[in-house]
Amino acid sequence: GGILFTTEERLPMGRLVEVAVNWPVRLDGACQLQ
């Protein structure tokens, strides 16, 4: 339901944000997922 992360500065409450994380597990052991 959610994600907690560090930021460079305070983000505005209520605003829509897109977050992208390099996933720690690879697809089929080879393909990097985001």
PDB file of all heavy atoms in Angstrom:
ATOM      1  N   GLY A   1       0.775  -1.231   0.000  1.00  0.00           N
ATOM      2  CA  GLY A   1       0.000   0.000   0.000  1.00  0.00           C
ATOM      3  C   GLY A   1       0.803   1.277   0.000  1.00  0.00           C
ATOM      4  O   GLY A   1       0.255   2.359  -0.198  1.00  0.00           O
ATOM      5  N   GLY A   2       2.127   1.185   0.218  1.00  0.00           N
ATOM      6  CA  GLY A   2       2.891   2.417   0.286  1.00  0.00           C
ATOM      7  C   GLY A   2       4.390   2.206   0.317  1.00  0.00           C
ATOM      8  O   GLY A   2       4.883   1.078   0.375  1.00  0.00           O
ATOM      9  N   ILE A   3       5.101   3.318   0.290  1.00  0.00           N
ATOM     10  CA  ILE A   3       6.556   3.308   0.294  1.00  0.00           C
ATOM     11  C   ILE A   3       7.044   4.492   1.129  1.00  0.00           C
ATOM     12  O   ILE A   3       6.497   5.594   1.041  1.00  0.00           O
ATOM     13  CB  ILE A   3       7.112   3.359  -1.154  1.00  0.00           C
ATOM     14  CG1 ILE A   3       8.642   3.333  -1.166  1.00  0.00           C
ATOM     15  CG2 ILE A   3       6.584   4.557  -1.914  1.00  0.00           C
ATOM     16  CD1 ILE A   3       9.228   3.135  -2.569  1.00  0.00           C
ATOM     17  N   LEU A   4       8.054   4.243   1.947  1.00  0.00           N
ATOM     18  CA  LEU A   4       8.700   5.278   2.743  1.00  0.00           C
ATOM     19  C   LEU A   4      10.119   5.413   2.227  1.00  0.00           C
ATOM     20  O   LEU A   4      10.810   4.407   2.052  1.00  0.00           O
ATOM     21  CB  LEU A   4       8.697   4.887   4.230  1.00  0.00           C
ATOM     22  CG  LEU A   4       9.435   5.821   5.193  1.00  0.00           C
ATOM     23  CD1 LEU A   4       8.743   7.182   5.267  1.00  0.00           C
ATOM     24  CD2 LEU A   4       9.519   5.185   6.581  1.00  0.00           C
ATOM     25  N   PHE A   5      10.555   6.632   1.956  1.00  0.00           N
ATOM     26  CA  PHE A   5      11.884   6.835   1.391  1.00  0.00           C
ATOM     27  C   PHE A   5      12.454   8.172   1.831  1.00  0.00           C
ATOM     28  O   PHE A   5      11.727   9.063   2.253  1.00  0.00           O
ATOM     29  CB  PHE A   5      11.848   6.752  -0.145  1.00  0.00           C
ATOM     30  CG  PHE A   5      10.906   7.712  -0.809  1.00  0.00           C
ATOM     31  CD1 PHE A   5      11.365   8.915  -1.326  1.00  0.00           C
ATOM     32  CD2 PHE A   5       9.559   7.412  -0.937  1.00  0.00           C
ATOM     33  CE1 PHE A   5      10.500   9.802  -1.951  1.00  0.00           C
ATOM     34  CE2 PHE A   5       8.687   8.291  -1.566  1.00  0.00           C
ATOM     35  CZ  PHE A   5       9.159   9.483  -2.069  1.00  0.00           C
ATOM     36  N   THR A   6      13.792   8.270   1.722  1.00  0.00           N
ATOM     37  CA  THR A   6      14.448   9.533   2.047  1.00  0.00           C
ATOM     38  C   THR A   6      14.324  10.475   0.859  1.00  0.00           C
ATOM     39  O   THR A   6      14.195  10.049  -0.286  1.00  0.00           O
ATOM     40  CB  THR A   6      15.939   9.339   2.390  1.00  0.00           C
ATOM     41  OG1 THR A   6      16.631   8.839   1.242  1.00  0.00           O
ATOM     42  CG2 THR A   6      16.121   8.392   3.575  1.00  0.00           C
ATOM     43  N   THR A   7      14.348  11.778   1.168  1.00  0.00           N
ATOM     44  CA  THR A   7      14.213  12.798   0.131  1.00  0.00           C
ATOM     45  C   THR A   7      15.303  13.852   0.301  1.00  0.00           C
ATOM     46  O   THR A   7      15.919  13.958   1.352  1.00  0.00           O
ATOM     47  CB  THR A   7      12.841  13.497   0.218  1.00  0.00           C
ATOM     48  OG1 THR A   7      12.714  14.094   1.513  1.00  0.00           O
ATOM     49  CG2 THR A   7      11.703  12.510  -0.001  1.00  0.00           C
ATOM     50  N   GLU A   8      15.516  14.625  -0.737  1.00  0.00           N
ATOM     51  CA  GLU A   8      16.474  15.713  -0.674  1.00  0.00           C
ATOM     52  C   GLU A   8      15.879  16.930   0.021  1.00  0.00           C
ATOM     53  O   GLU A   8      16.598  17.763   0.547  1.00  0.00           O
ATOM     54  CB  GLU A   8      16.955  16.070  -2.079  1.00  0.00           C
ATOM     55  CG  GLU A   8      17.754  14.940  -2.717  1.00  0.00           C
ATOM     56  CD  GLU A   8      18.155  15.220  -4.147  1.00  0.00           C
ATOM     57  OE1 GLU A   8      17.636  16.175  -4.770  1.00  0.00           O
ATOM     58  OE2 GLU A   8      18.996  14.466  -4.655  1.00  0.00           O
ATOM     59  N   GLU A   9      14.566  17.048  -0.006  1.00  0.00           N
ATOM     60  CA  GLU A   9      13.851  18.132   0.681  1.00  0.00           C
ATOM     61  C   GLU A   9      12.410  17.698   0.918  1.00  0.00           C
ATOM     62  O   GLU A   9      11.972  16.680   0.403  1.00  0.00           O
ATOM     63  CB  GLU A   9      13.920  19.431  -0.109  1.00  0.00           C
ATOM     64  CG  GLU A   9      13.402  19.316  -1.516  1.00  0.00           C
ATOM     65  CD  GLU A   9      13.780  20.553  -2.327  1.00  0.00           C
ATOM     66  OE1 GLU A   9      14.923  21.005  -2.267  1.00  0.00           O
ATOM     67  OE2 GLU A   9      12.882  21.048  -3.011  1.00  0.00           O
ATOM     68  N   ARG A  10      11.687  18.459   1.692  1.00  0.00           N
ATOM     69  CA  ARG A  10      10.310  18.112   2.029  1.00  0.00           C
ATOM     70  C   ARG A  10       9.450  18.092   0.768  1.00  0.00           C
ATOM     71  O   ARG A  10       9.473  19.029  -0.029  1.00  0.00           O
ATOM     72  CB  ARG A  10       9.744  19.136   3.014  1.00  0.00           C
ATOM     73  CG  ARG A  10       8.321  18.801   3.467  1.00  0.00           C
ATOM     74  CD  ARG A  10       7.766  19.867   4.391  1.00  0.00           C
ATOM     75  NE  ARG A  10       8.532  19.981   5.616  1.00  0.00           N
ATOM     76  CZ  ARG A  10       8.269  19.334   6.755  1.00  0.00           C
ATOM     77  NH1 ARG A  10       7.232  18.530   6.804  1.00  0.00           N
ATOM     78  NH2 ARG A  10       9.017  19.509   7.813  1.00  0.00           N
ATOM     79  N   LEU A  11       8.672  17.012   0.601  1.00  0.00           N
ATOM     80  CA  LEU A  11       7.744  16.922  -0.518  1.00  0.00           C
ATOM     81  C   LEU A  11       6.396  17.498  -0.105  1.00  0.00           C
ATOM     82  O   LEU A  11       5.996  17.377   1.055  1.00  0.00           O
ATOM     83  CB  LEU A  11       7.573  15.460  -0.960  1.00  0.00           C
ATOM     84  CG  LEU A  11       8.825  14.778  -1.510  1.00  0.00           C
ATOM     85  CD1 LEU A  11       8.486  13.369  -1.982  1.00  0.00           C
ATOM     86  CD2 LEU A  11       9.442  15.572  -2.642  1.00  0.00           C
ATOM     87  N   PRO A  12       5.680  18.112  -1.035  1.00  0.00           N
ATOM     88  CA  PRO A  12       4.388  18.721  -0.701  1.00  0.00           C
ATOM     89  C   PRO A  12       3.314  17.672  -0.404  1.00  0.00           C
ATOM     90  O   PRO A  12       3.118  16.735  -1.179  1.00  0.00           O
ATOM     91  CB  PRO A  12       4.045  19.546  -1.944  1.00  0.00           C
ATOM     92  CG  PRO A  12       4.868  18.971  -3.052  1.00  0.00           C
ATOM     93  CD  PRO A  12       6.068  18.346  -2.430  1.00  0.00           C
ATOM     94  N   MET A  13       2.639  17.834   0.724  1.00  0.00           N
ATOM     95  CA  MET A  13       1.569  16.921   1.134  1.00  0.00           C
ATOM     96  C   MET A  13       0.458  16.880   0.089  1.00  0.00           C
ATOM     97  O   MET A  13       0.103  17.908  -0.484  1.00  0.00           O
ATOM     98  CB  MET A  13       0.976  17.381   2.475  1.00  0.00           C
ATOM     99  CG  MET A  13       1.895  17.169   3.655  1.00  0.00           C
ATOM    100  SD  MET A  13       2.061  15.440   4.084  1.00  0.00           S
ATOM    101  CE  MET A  13       0.395  15.075   4.599  1.00  0.00           C
ATOM    102  N   GLY A  14      -0.078  15.689  -0.131  1.00  0.00           N
ATOM    103  CA  GLY A  14      -1.221  15.529  -1.013  1.00  0.00           C
ATOM    104  C   GLY A  14      -0.898  15.484  -2.489  1.00  0.00           C
ATOM    105  O   GLY A  14      -1.774  15.179  -3.296  1.00  0.00           O
ATOM    106  N   ARG A  15       0.336  15.793  -2.854  1.00  0.00           N
ATOM    107  CA  ARG A  15       0.696  15.815  -4.279  1.00  0.00           C
ATOM    108  C   ARG A  15       0.982  14.412  -4.794  1.00  0.00           C
ATOM    109  O   ARG A  15       1.408  13.531  -4.054  1.00  0.00           O
ATOM    110  CB  ARG A  15       1.948  16.678  -4.504  1.00  0.00           C
ATOM    111  CG  ARG A  15       1.774  18.141  -4.159  1.00  0.00           C
ATOM    112  CD  ARG A  15       0.685  18.818  -4.983  1.00  0.00           C
ATOM    113  NE  ARG A  15       0.939  18.809  -6.404  1.00  0.00           N
ATOM    114  CZ  ARG A  15       1.528  19.785  -7.082  1.00  0.00           C
ATOM    115  NH1 ARG A  15       1.883  20.895  -6.467  1.00  0.00           N
ATOM    116  NH2 ARG A  15       1.738  19.673  -8.357  1.00  0.00           N
ATOM    117  N   LEU A  16       0.751  14.208  -6.090  1.00  0.00           N
ATOM    118  CA  LEU A  16       1.093  12.940  -6.724  1.00  0.00           C
ATOM    119  C   LEU A  16       2.579  12.896  -7.006  1.00  0.00           C
ATOM    120  O   LEU A  16       3.168  13.885  -7.467  1.00  0.00           O
ATOM    121  CB  LEU A  16       0.325  12.761  -8.036  1.00  0.00           C
ATOM    122  CG  LEU A  16      -1.133  12.361  -7.926  1.00  0.00           C
ATOM    123  CD1 LEU A  16      -1.740  12.205  -9.322  1.00  0.00           C
ATOM    124  CD2 LEU A  16      -1.311  11.079  -7.132  1.00  0.00           C
ATOM    125  N   VAL A  17       3.178  11.748  -6.714  1.00  0.00           N
ATOM    126  CA  VAL A  17       4.613  11.544  -6.913  1.00  0.00           C
ATOM    127  C   VAL A  17       4.814  10.219  -7.634  1.00  0.00           C
ATOM    128  O   VAL A  17       4.118   9.239  -7.359  1.00  0.00           O
ATOM    129  CB  VAL A  17       5.343  11.500  -5.542  1.00  0.00           C
ATOM    130  CG1 VAL A  17       6.814  11.167  -5.710  1.00  0.00           C
ATOM    131  CG2 VAL A  17       5.189  12.817  -4.810  1.00  0.00           C
ATOM    132  N   GLU A  18       5.754  10.206  -8.569  1.00  0.00           N
ATOM    133  CA  GLU A  18       6.168   8.964  -9.199  1.00  0.00           C
ATOM    134  C   GLU A  18       7.497   8.560  -8.574  1.00  0.00           C
ATOM    135  O   GLU A  18       8.400   9.401  -8.453  1.00  0.00           O
ATOM    136  CB  GLU A  18       6.351   9.138 -10.700  1.00  0.00           C
ATOM    137  CG  GLU A  18       6.811   7.868 -11.392  1.00  0.00           C
ATOM    138  CD  GLU A  18       7.076   8.089 -12.866  1.00  0.00           C
ATOM    139  OE1 GLU A  18       8.132   8.675 -13.179  1.00  0.00           O
ATOM    140  OE2 GLU A  18       6.229   7.674 -13.678  1.00  0.00           O
ATOM    141  N   VAL A  19       7.604   7.301  -8.157  1.00  0.00           N
ATOM    142  CA  VAL A  19       8.851   6.793  -7.583  1.00  0.00           C
ATOM    143  C   VAL A  19       9.310   5.602  -8.405  1.00  0.00           C
ATOM    144  O   VAL A  19       8.495   4.791  -8.853  1.00  0.00           O
ATOM    145  CB  VAL A  19       8.699   6.402  -6.095  1.00  0.00           C
ATOM    146  CG1 VAL A  19       8.416   7.604  -5.240  1.00  0.00           C
ATOM    147  CG2 VAL A  19       7.633   5.363  -5.900  1.00  0.00           C
ATOM    148  N   ALA A  20      10.614   5.512  -8.638  1.00  0.00           N
ATOM    149  CA  ALA A  20      11.194   4.400  -9.394  1.00  0.00           C
ATOM    150  C   ALA A  20      12.322   3.796  -8.569  1.00  0.00           C
ATOM    151  O   ALA A  20      13.227   4.504  -8.132  1.00  0.00           O
ATOM    152  CB  ALA A  20      11.717   4.888 -10.740  1.00  0.00           C
ATOM    153  N   VAL A  21      12.245   2.489  -8.353  1.00  0.00           N
ATOM    154  CA  VAL A  21      13.215   1.768  -7.530  1.00  0.00           C
ATOM    155  C   VAL A  21      13.802   0.628  -8.355  1.00  0.00           C
ATOM    156  O   VAL A  21      13.053  -0.158  -8.951  1.00  0.00           O
ATOM    157  CB  VAL A  21      12.532   1.165  -6.274  1.00  0.00           C
ATOM    158  CG1 VAL A  21      13.535   0.406  -5.424  1.00  0.00           C
ATOM    159  CG2 VAL A  21      11.827   2.238  -5.469  1.00  0.00           C
ATOM    160  N   ASN A  22      15.143   0.521  -8.393  1.00  0.00           N
ATOM    161  CA  ASN A  22      15.762  -0.644  -9.009  1.00  0.00           C
ATOM    162  C   ASN A  22      15.479  -1.830  -8.103  1.00  0.00           C
ATOM    163  O   ASN A  22      15.901  -1.857  -6.953  1.00  0.00           O
ATOM    164  CB  ASN A  22      17.263  -0.449  -9.200  1.00  0.00           C
ATOM    165  CG  ASN A  22      17.561   0.542 -10.299  1.00  0.00           C
ATOM    166  OD1 ASN A  22      16.807   0.680 -11.248  1.00  0.00           O
ATOM    167  ND2 ASN A  22      18.663   1.242 -10.168  1.00  0.00           N
ATOM    168  N   TRP A  23      14.728  -2.806  -8.608  1.00  0.00           N
ATOM    169  CA  TRP A  23      14.284  -3.933  -7.794  1.00  0.00           C
ATOM    170  C   TRP A  23      15.459  -4.856  -7.496  1.00  0.00           C
ATOM    171  O   TRP A  23      16.281  -5.113  -8.377  1.00  0.00           O
ATOM    172  CB  TRP A  23      13.168  -4.680  -8.532  1.00  0.00           C
ATOM    173  CG  TRP A  23      12.303  -5.467  -7.624  1.00  0.00           C
ATOM    174  CD1 TRP A  23      12.141  -6.816  -7.643  1.00  0.00           C
ATOM    175  CD2 TRP A  23      11.475  -4.979  -6.570  1.00  0.00           C
ATOM    176  NE1 TRP A  23      11.265  -7.187  -6.661  1.00  0.00           N
ATOM    177  CE2 TRP A  23      10.840  -6.082  -5.979  1.00  0.00           C
ATOM    178  CE3 TRP A  23      11.217  -3.705  -6.058  1.00  0.00           C
ATOM    179  CZ2 TRP A  23       9.958  -5.961  -4.905  1.00  0.00           C
ATOM    180  CZ3 TRP A  23      10.340  -3.571  -4.997  1.00  0.00           C
ATOM    181  CH2 TRP A  23       9.723  -4.695  -4.435  1.00  0.00           C
ATOM    182  N   PRO A  24      15.559  -5.349  -6.256  1.00  0.00           N
ATOM    183  CA  PRO A  24      16.728  -6.147  -5.873  1.00  0.00           C
ATOM    184  C   PRO A  24      16.774  -7.548  -6.462  1.00  0.00           C
ATOM    185  O   PRO A  24      17.792  -8.222  -6.375  1.00  0.00           O
ATOM    186  CB  PRO A  24      16.617  -6.211  -4.340  1.00  0.00           C
ATOM    187  CG  PRO A  24      15.187  -5.981  -4.037  1.00  0.00           C
ATOM    188  CD  PRO A  24      14.671  -5.087  -5.134  1.00  0.00           C
ATOM    189  N   VAL A  25      15.684  -8.014  -7.087  1.00  0.00           N
ATOM    190  CA  VAL A  25      15.642  -9.349  -7.675  1.00  0.00           C
ATOM    191  C   VAL A  25      15.507  -9.209  -9.181  1.00  0.00           C
ATOM    192  O   VAL A  25      14.718  -8.407  -9.671  1.00  0.00           O
ATOM    193  CB  VAL A  25      14.448 -10.156  -7.102  1.00  0.00           C
ATOM    194  CG1 VAL A  25      14.385 -11.537  -7.720  1.00  0.00           C
ATOM    195  CG2 VAL A  25      14.536 -10.239  -5.596  1.00  0.00           C
ATOM    196  N   ARG A  26      16.285 -10.011  -9.916  1.00  0.00           N
ATOM    197  CA  ARG A  26      16.235  -9.968 -11.378  1.00  0.00           C
ATOM    198  C   ARG A  26      15.222 -10.966 -11.918  1.00  0.00           C
ATOM    199  O   ARG A  26      15.047 -12.042 -11.362  1.00  0.00           O
ATOM    200  CB  ARG A  26      17.615 -10.266 -11.957  1.00  0.00           C
ATOM    201  CG  ARG A  26      18.627  -9.202 -11.640  1.00  0.00           C
ATOM    202  CD  ARG A  26      19.993  -9.570 -12.218  1.00  0.00           C
ATOM    203  NE  ARG A  26      20.948  -8.526 -11.933  1.00  0.00           N
ATOM    204  CZ  ARG A  26      21.225  -7.523 -12.763  1.00  0.00           C
ATOM    205  NH1 ARG A  26      20.607  -7.430 -13.914  1.00  0.00           N
ATOM    206  NH2 ARG A  26      22.103  -6.620 -12.438  1.00  0.00           N
ATOM    207  N   LEU A  27      14.561 -10.591 -13.022  1.00  0.00           N
ATOM    208  CA  LEU A  27      13.619 -11.464 -13.707  1.00  0.00           C
ATOM    209  C   LEU A  27      14.393 -12.609 -14.340  1.00  0.00           C
ATOM    210  O   LEU A  27      15.362 -12.368 -15.067  1.00  0.00           O
ATOM    211  CB  LEU A  27      12.844 -10.679 -14.771  1.00  0.00           C
ATOM    212  CG  LEU A  27      11.817 -11.455 -15.586  1.00  0.00           C
ATOM    213  CD1 LEU A  27      10.707 -12.001 -14.672  1.00  0.00           C
ATOM    214  CD2 LEU A  27      11.219 -10.567 -16.655  1.00  0.00           C
ATOM    215  N   ASP A  28      14.011 -13.840 -14.056  1.00  0.00           N
ATOM    216  CA  ASP A  28      14.697 -15.039 -14.561  1.00  0.00           C
ATOM    217  C   ASP A  28      16.181 -15.021 -14.224  1.00  0.00           C
ATOM    218  O   ASP A  28      17.010 -15.583 -14.948  1.00  0.00           O
ATOM    219  CB  ASP A  28      14.496 -15.198 -16.071  1.00  0.00           C
ATOM    220  CG  ASP A  28      13.041 -15.440 -16.440  1.00  0.00           C
ATOM    221  OD1 ASP A  28      12.324 -16.067 -15.630  1.00  0.00           O
ATOM    222  OD2 ASP A  28      12.631 -15.006 -17.529  1.00  0.00           O
ATOM    223  N   GLY A  29      16.552 -14.327 -13.164  1.00  0.00           N
ATOM    224  CA  GLY A  29      17.941 -14.271 -12.727  1.00  0.00           C
ATOM    225  C   GLY A  29      18.844 -13.418 -13.589  1.00  0.00           C
ATOM    226  O   GLY A  29      20.037 -13.311 -13.329  1.00  0.00           O
ATOM    227  N   ALA A  30      18.304 -12.788 -14.635  1.00  0.00           N
ATOM    228  CA  ALA A  30      19.161 -12.058 -15.565  1.00  0.00           C
ATOM    229  C   ALA A  30      18.698 -10.629 -15.860  1.00  0.00           C
ATOM    230  O   ALA A  30      19.517  -9.735 -16.002  1.00  0.00           O
ATOM    231  CB  ALA A  30      19.263 -12.828 -16.881  1.00  0.00           C
ATOM    232  N   CYS A  31      17.402 -10.418 -15.967  1.00  0.00           N
ATOM    233  CA  CYS A  31      16.873  -9.125 -16.422  1.00  0.00           C
ATOM    234  C   CYS A  31      16.595  -8.193 -15.238  1.00  0.00           C
ATOM    235  O   CYS A  31      15.812  -8.537 -14.344  1.00  0.00           O
ATOM    236  CB  CYS A  31      15.595  -9.360 -17.224  1.00  0.00           C
ATOM    237  SG  CYS A  31      14.871  -7.850 -17.900  1.00  0.00           S
ATOM    238  N   GLN A  32      17.235  -7.022 -15.228  1.00  0.00           N
ATOM    239  CA  GLN A  32      17.020  -6.026 -14.175  1.00  0.00           C
ATOM    240  C   GLN A  32      15.601  -5.483 -14.244  1.00  0.00           C
ATOM    241  O   GLN A  32      15.121  -5.125 -15.311  1.00  0.00           O
ATOM    242  CB  GLN A  32      18.012  -4.862 -14.341  1.00  0.00           C
ATOM    243  CG  GLN A  32      17.838  -3.745 -13.342  1.00  0.00           C
ATOM    244  CD  GLN A  32      18.233  -4.145 -11.929  1.00  0.00           C
ATOM    245  OE1 GLN A  32      19.282  -4.723 -11.727  1.00  0.00           O
ATOM    246  NE2 GLN A  32      17.392  -3.846 -10.966  1.00  0.00           N
ATOM    247  N   LEU A  33      14.926  -5.460 -13.113  1.00  0.00           N
ATOM    248  CA  LEU A  33      13.576  -4.918 -13.032  1.00  0.00           C
ATOM    249  C   LEU A  33      13.585  -3.579 -12.328  1.00  0.00           C
ATOM    250  O   LEU A  33      14.430  -3.333 -11.461  1.00  0.00           O
ATOM    251  CB  LEU A  33      12.661  -5.862 -12.242  1.00  0.00           C
ATOM    252  CG  LEU A  33      12.270  -7.161 -12.902  1.00  0.00           C
ATOM    253  CD1 LEU A  33      11.524  -8.039 -11.905  1.00  0.00           C
ATOM    254  CD2 LEU A  33      11.420  -6.908 -14.122  1.00  0.00           C
ATOM    255  N   GLN A  34      12.637  -2.734 -12.687  1.00  0.00           N
ATOM    256  CA  GLN A  34      12.446  -1.468 -11.991  1.00  0.00           C
ATOM    257  C   GLN A  34      10.990  -1.395 -11.548  1.00  0.00           C
ATOM    258  O   GLN A  34      10.076  -1.622 -12.339  1.00  0.00           O
ATOM    259  CB  GLN A  34      12.786  -0.294 -12.905  1.00  0.00           C
ATOM    260  CG  GLN A  34      12.811   1.021 -12.150  1.00  0.00           C
ATOM    261  CD  GLN A  34      13.325   2.152 -13.009  1.00  0.00           C
ATOM    262  OE1 GLN A  34      12.747   2.466 -14.039  1.00  0.00           O
ATOM    263  NE2 GLN A  34      14.417   2.744 -12.592  1.00  0.00           N
TER     264      GLN A  34
END
